[in-house]
N, C-alpha and C. Protein backbone atom coordinates (compact mmCIF):
# COMPACT_ATOMS: atom_id res chain seq x y z
N MET A 1 71.15 140.65 143.17
CA MET A 1 70.78 139.92 141.96
C MET A 1 71.60 138.64 142.01
N ASN A 2 70.99 137.42 142.02
CA ASN A 2 71.77 136.25 142.03
C ASN A 2 72.64 136.02 140.80
N LYS A 3 73.84 135.37 141.04
CA LYS A 3 74.69 134.99 139.92
C LYS A 3 74.76 133.54 139.74
N ASN A 4 74.54 133.07 138.49
CA ASN A 4 74.50 131.63 138.03
C ASN A 4 75.67 131.28 137.25
N VAL A 5 76.53 130.36 137.61
CA VAL A 5 77.73 130.03 137.00
C VAL A 5 77.53 128.58 136.47
N ILE A 6 77.94 128.38 135.21
CA ILE A 6 78.09 127.08 134.58
C ILE A 6 79.47 126.85 134.10
N ALA A 7 80.13 125.84 134.72
CA ALA A 7 81.58 125.59 134.38
C ALA A 7 81.64 124.14 133.86
N ARG A 8 82.11 124.07 132.58
CA ARG A 8 82.25 122.73 131.97
C ARG A 8 83.69 122.37 131.89
N PHE A 9 83.97 121.00 132.19
CA PHE A 9 85.31 120.46 132.17
C PHE A 9 85.38 119.22 131.37
N LYS A 10 86.29 119.05 130.53
CA LYS A 10 86.50 117.74 129.82
C LYS A 10 87.81 117.15 130.38
N VAL A 11 87.63 116.00 131.00
CA VAL A 11 88.68 115.41 131.75
C VAL A 11 89.18 114.18 130.88
N LYS A 12 90.63 113.95 131.01
CA LYS A 12 91.10 112.83 130.34
C LYS A 12 90.66 111.58 131.11
N SER A 13 90.24 110.61 130.32
CA SER A 13 89.55 109.37 130.81
C SER A 13 90.24 108.75 131.86
N ASN A 14 91.66 108.66 131.86
CA ASN A 14 92.36 108.03 132.91
C ASN A 14 92.55 108.94 134.18
N GLU A 15 92.00 110.13 134.19
CA GLU A 15 92.18 111.03 135.28
C GLU A 15 90.81 111.33 135.93
N ILE A 16 89.71 110.68 135.54
CA ILE A 16 88.34 111.01 136.11
C ILE A 16 88.30 110.86 137.56
N GLU A 17 88.80 109.71 138.04
CA GLU A 17 88.65 109.56 139.62
C GLU A 17 89.44 110.71 140.27
N ASN A 18 90.69 111.02 139.78
CA ASN A 18 91.41 112.04 140.43
C ASN A 18 90.64 113.42 140.38
N PHE A 19 90.13 113.61 139.29
CA PHE A 19 89.27 114.93 139.13
C PHE A 19 88.11 114.90 140.10
N LYS A 20 87.39 113.78 140.20
CA LYS A 20 86.33 113.67 141.11
C LYS A 20 86.65 113.76 142.56
N SER A 21 87.85 113.27 142.96
CA SER A 21 88.27 113.31 144.24
C SER A 21 88.58 114.82 144.67
N LEU A 22 89.23 115.50 143.78
CA LEU A 22 89.56 116.89 144.08
C LEU A 22 88.27 117.78 144.09
N ALA A 23 87.39 117.55 143.19
CA ALA A 23 86.06 118.20 143.15
C ALA A 23 85.30 118.08 144.50
N GLU A 24 85.41 116.82 144.95
CA GLU A 24 84.71 116.65 146.37
C GLU A 24 85.07 117.56 147.34
N THR A 25 86.37 117.78 147.50
CA THR A 25 86.88 118.74 148.44
C THR A 25 86.42 120.26 148.12
N LEU A 26 86.53 120.50 146.81
CA LEU A 26 86.10 121.81 146.42
C LEU A 26 84.63 122.08 146.74
N ILE A 27 83.74 121.11 146.40
CA ILE A 27 82.44 121.15 146.78
C ILE A 27 81.99 121.35 148.19
N SER A 28 82.67 120.61 148.99
CA SER A 28 82.56 120.63 150.44
C SER A 28 82.83 122.03 151.01
N ASN A 29 84.03 122.65 150.59
CA ASN A 29 84.29 123.89 150.98
C ASN A 29 83.36 125.06 150.46
N THR A 30 83.01 124.85 149.22
CA THR A 30 82.24 125.87 148.68
C THR A 30 80.88 125.97 149.21
N ARG A 31 80.36 124.84 149.49
CA ARG A 31 78.95 124.74 150.19
C ARG A 31 78.92 125.47 151.49
N LYS A 32 80.07 125.74 152.06
CA LYS A 32 80.05 126.49 153.43
C LYS A 32 80.09 127.83 153.29
N GLU A 33 80.32 128.37 152.04
CA GLU A 33 80.39 129.83 151.85
C GLU A 33 78.94 130.28 152.04
N GLU A 34 78.86 131.44 152.82
CA GLU A 34 77.58 132.06 153.18
C GLU A 34 76.87 132.52 152.02
N GLY A 35 77.36 132.98 150.96
CA GLY A 35 76.67 133.47 149.82
C GLY A 35 76.37 132.44 148.78
N CYS A 36 76.71 131.22 148.88
CA CYS A 36 76.53 130.20 147.90
C CYS A 36 75.29 129.38 148.25
N SER A 37 74.30 129.48 147.32
CA SER A 37 72.99 128.84 147.39
C SER A 37 73.05 127.38 146.83
N ILE A 38 73.65 127.24 145.67
CA ILE A 38 73.64 125.93 145.04
C ILE A 38 75.15 125.65 144.55
N TYR A 39 75.59 124.54 144.75
CA TYR A 39 76.98 124.20 144.15
C TYR A 39 76.87 122.68 143.95
N LYS A 40 76.67 122.26 142.59
CA LYS A 40 76.52 120.81 142.25
C LYS A 40 77.42 120.58 141.13
N LEU A 41 77.82 119.21 141.07
CA LEU A 41 78.70 118.74 140.02
C LEU A 41 77.93 117.61 139.33
N PHE A 42 77.85 117.67 138.01
CA PHE A 42 77.16 116.70 137.24
C PHE A 42 78.22 116.05 136.28
N GLN A 43 78.07 114.71 136.01
CA GLN A 43 78.96 113.97 135.20
C GLN A 43 78.13 113.41 134.03
N GLU A 44 78.69 113.48 132.80
CA GLU A 44 78.11 112.98 131.65
C GLU A 44 77.91 111.52 131.76
N ILE A 45 76.62 111.06 131.34
CA ILE A 45 76.40 109.56 131.63
C ILE A 45 76.44 108.75 130.26
N THR A 46 76.75 109.29 129.26
CA THR A 46 76.89 108.59 128.01
C THR A 46 78.35 108.72 127.49
N ASP A 47 78.63 108.02 126.37
CA ASP A 47 79.98 108.09 125.91
C ASP A 47 81.09 107.78 126.86
N ASP A 48 82.09 108.59 127.00
CA ASP A 48 83.26 108.23 127.78
C ASP A 48 83.12 108.77 129.22
N LYS A 49 81.96 109.38 129.52
CA LYS A 49 81.76 109.92 130.95
C LYS A 49 82.90 110.84 131.37
N ASN A 50 83.41 111.54 130.52
CA ASN A 50 84.54 112.41 130.83
C ASN A 50 84.24 113.97 130.83
N GLU A 51 83.02 114.26 130.66
CA GLU A 51 82.56 115.74 130.79
C GLU A 51 81.81 115.90 132.02
N PHE A 52 82.21 116.96 132.64
CA PHE A 52 81.64 117.35 133.93
C PHE A 52 81.15 118.76 133.79
N LEU A 53 80.14 119.17 134.64
CA LEU A 53 79.58 120.35 134.74
C LEU A 53 79.28 120.78 136.19
N PHE A 54 79.87 121.92 136.50
CA PHE A 54 79.50 122.57 137.86
C PHE A 54 78.37 123.62 137.64
N TYR A 55 77.34 123.40 138.46
CA TYR A 55 76.26 124.30 138.44
C TYR A 55 76.19 125.10 139.78
N GLU A 56 76.29 126.35 139.68
CA GLU A 56 76.45 127.14 140.80
C GLU A 56 75.53 128.38 140.91
N ILE A 57 74.99 128.57 142.00
CA ILE A 57 74.18 129.86 142.22
C ILE A 57 74.87 130.65 143.50
N TYR A 58 75.06 131.98 143.38
CA TYR A 58 75.45 132.74 144.50
C TYR A 58 74.49 133.89 144.67
N ASN A 59 74.48 134.41 145.87
CA ASN A 59 73.40 135.33 146.17
C ASN A 59 73.72 136.75 145.42
N ASP A 60 74.80 136.91 145.13
CA ASP A 60 75.21 138.25 144.48
C ASP A 60 76.59 138.24 143.98
N ASP A 61 76.98 139.44 143.45
CA ASP A 61 78.34 139.56 142.90
C ASP A 61 79.37 139.32 143.95
N ALA A 62 79.15 139.91 145.24
CA ALA A 62 80.11 139.79 146.25
C ALA A 62 80.26 138.37 146.64
N ALA A 63 79.24 137.65 146.81
CA ALA A 63 79.43 136.05 147.13
C ALA A 63 80.11 135.45 146.01
N LEU A 64 79.96 135.66 144.80
CA LEU A 64 80.72 135.06 143.74
C LEU A 64 82.19 135.44 143.78
N GLU A 65 82.55 136.71 144.10
CA GLU A 65 83.88 137.14 144.27
C GLU A 65 84.57 136.51 145.46
N VAL A 66 83.85 136.19 146.53
CA VAL A 66 84.51 135.44 147.69
C VAL A 66 84.95 134.16 147.15
N HIS A 67 84.02 133.41 146.38
CA HIS A 67 84.26 132.18 145.86
C HIS A 67 85.58 132.14 144.86
N LYS A 68 85.61 133.16 144.00
CA LYS A 68 86.56 133.24 142.99
C LYS A 68 87.95 133.44 143.59
N LYS A 69 87.92 134.09 144.78
CA LYS A 69 89.29 134.51 145.32
C LYS A 69 89.66 133.49 146.56
N SER A 70 88.84 132.34 146.55
CA SER A 70 89.18 131.43 147.72
C SER A 70 90.44 130.54 147.35
N ASP A 71 91.15 130.33 148.43
CA ASP A 71 92.35 129.32 148.21
C ASP A 71 92.05 128.00 147.66
N TYR A 72 90.85 127.48 148.14
CA TYR A 72 90.47 126.05 147.57
C TYR A 72 90.18 126.04 146.17
N LEU A 73 89.54 127.20 145.62
CA LEU A 73 89.31 127.18 144.28
C LEU A 73 90.52 127.29 143.30
N SER A 74 91.45 128.16 143.79
CA SER A 74 92.72 128.31 143.10
C SER A 74 93.48 127.02 143.11
N GLY A 75 93.49 126.40 144.32
CA GLY A 75 94.21 125.12 144.38
C GLY A 75 93.70 124.12 143.57
N PHE A 76 92.38 123.98 143.50
CA PHE A 76 91.65 123.04 142.60
C PHE A 76 92.04 123.24 141.16
N ILE A 77 91.95 124.51 140.73
CA ILE A 77 92.29 124.76 139.30
C ILE A 77 93.82 124.42 138.89
N LYS A 78 94.54 124.71 139.93
CA LYS A 78 96.14 124.33 139.74
C LYS A 78 96.20 122.91 139.66
N GLU A 79 95.61 122.13 140.57
CA GLU A 79 95.79 120.66 140.68
C GLU A 79 95.24 119.91 139.37
N ILE A 80 93.93 120.42 138.91
CA ILE A 80 93.36 119.63 137.84
C ILE A 80 93.89 120.01 136.45
N SER A 81 94.75 120.94 136.33
CA SER A 81 95.15 121.39 135.10
C SER A 81 95.71 120.33 134.17
N GLU A 82 96.59 119.43 134.79
CA GLU A 82 97.02 118.22 134.10
C GLU A 82 95.91 117.22 133.74
N TYR A 83 94.86 117.17 134.36
CA TYR A 83 93.82 116.27 134.19
C TYR A 83 92.93 116.64 132.86
N LEU A 84 92.94 117.79 132.36
CA LEU A 84 92.12 118.31 131.53
C LEU A 84 92.51 118.15 129.99
N MET A 85 91.48 117.89 129.10
CA MET A 85 91.80 117.62 127.67
C MET A 85 91.81 118.99 127.02
N GLU A 86 91.17 120.09 127.65
CA GLU A 86 91.05 121.35 127.12
C GLU A 86 90.72 122.37 128.16
N ASP A 87 90.87 123.60 127.88
CA ASP A 87 90.45 124.58 128.89
C ASP A 87 88.94 124.50 129.26
N PRO A 88 88.65 124.74 130.47
CA PRO A 88 87.22 124.79 130.88
C PRO A 88 86.46 125.90 130.19
N THR A 89 85.13 125.75 130.10
CA THR A 89 84.29 126.82 129.64
C THR A 89 83.48 127.20 130.78
N ILE A 90 83.50 128.58 131.08
CA ILE A 90 82.80 129.08 132.28
C ILE A 90 81.85 130.23 131.68
N GLU A 91 80.63 130.09 132.20
CA GLU A 91 79.72 131.07 131.81
C GLU A 91 79.09 131.64 133.24
N VAL A 92 78.94 133.05 133.17
CA VAL A 92 78.33 133.57 134.42
C VAL A 92 77.04 134.35 133.88
N HIS A 93 75.92 134.18 134.51
CA HIS A 93 74.62 134.84 134.20
C HIS A 93 74.13 135.41 135.39
N SER A 94 73.41 136.54 135.29
CA SER A 94 72.67 137.17 136.33
C SER A 94 71.19 136.61 136.25
N LEU A 95 70.65 136.28 137.45
CA LEU A 95 69.28 135.74 137.49
C LEU A 95 68.32 136.72 137.95
């Protein structure tokens, strides 16, 4: 059963470019994962443009676990922590 992840991030306005740069590396690495079907980043287009949403689909629980345990995801989370206005919101759904 597919796993759908929606992860929302609110980034400090002066850190948007840094966040996007780190996200590009994360996206590139994640899209190479065998069990990842979709991995996209969206940016809010109104107001301050500081809200981002990752939309992810994995083939199954095992594929999601591979992603969650990856060094590049843990590195991304650690590096962006100072760029965030608040803790991210992450939802996981079965499709």
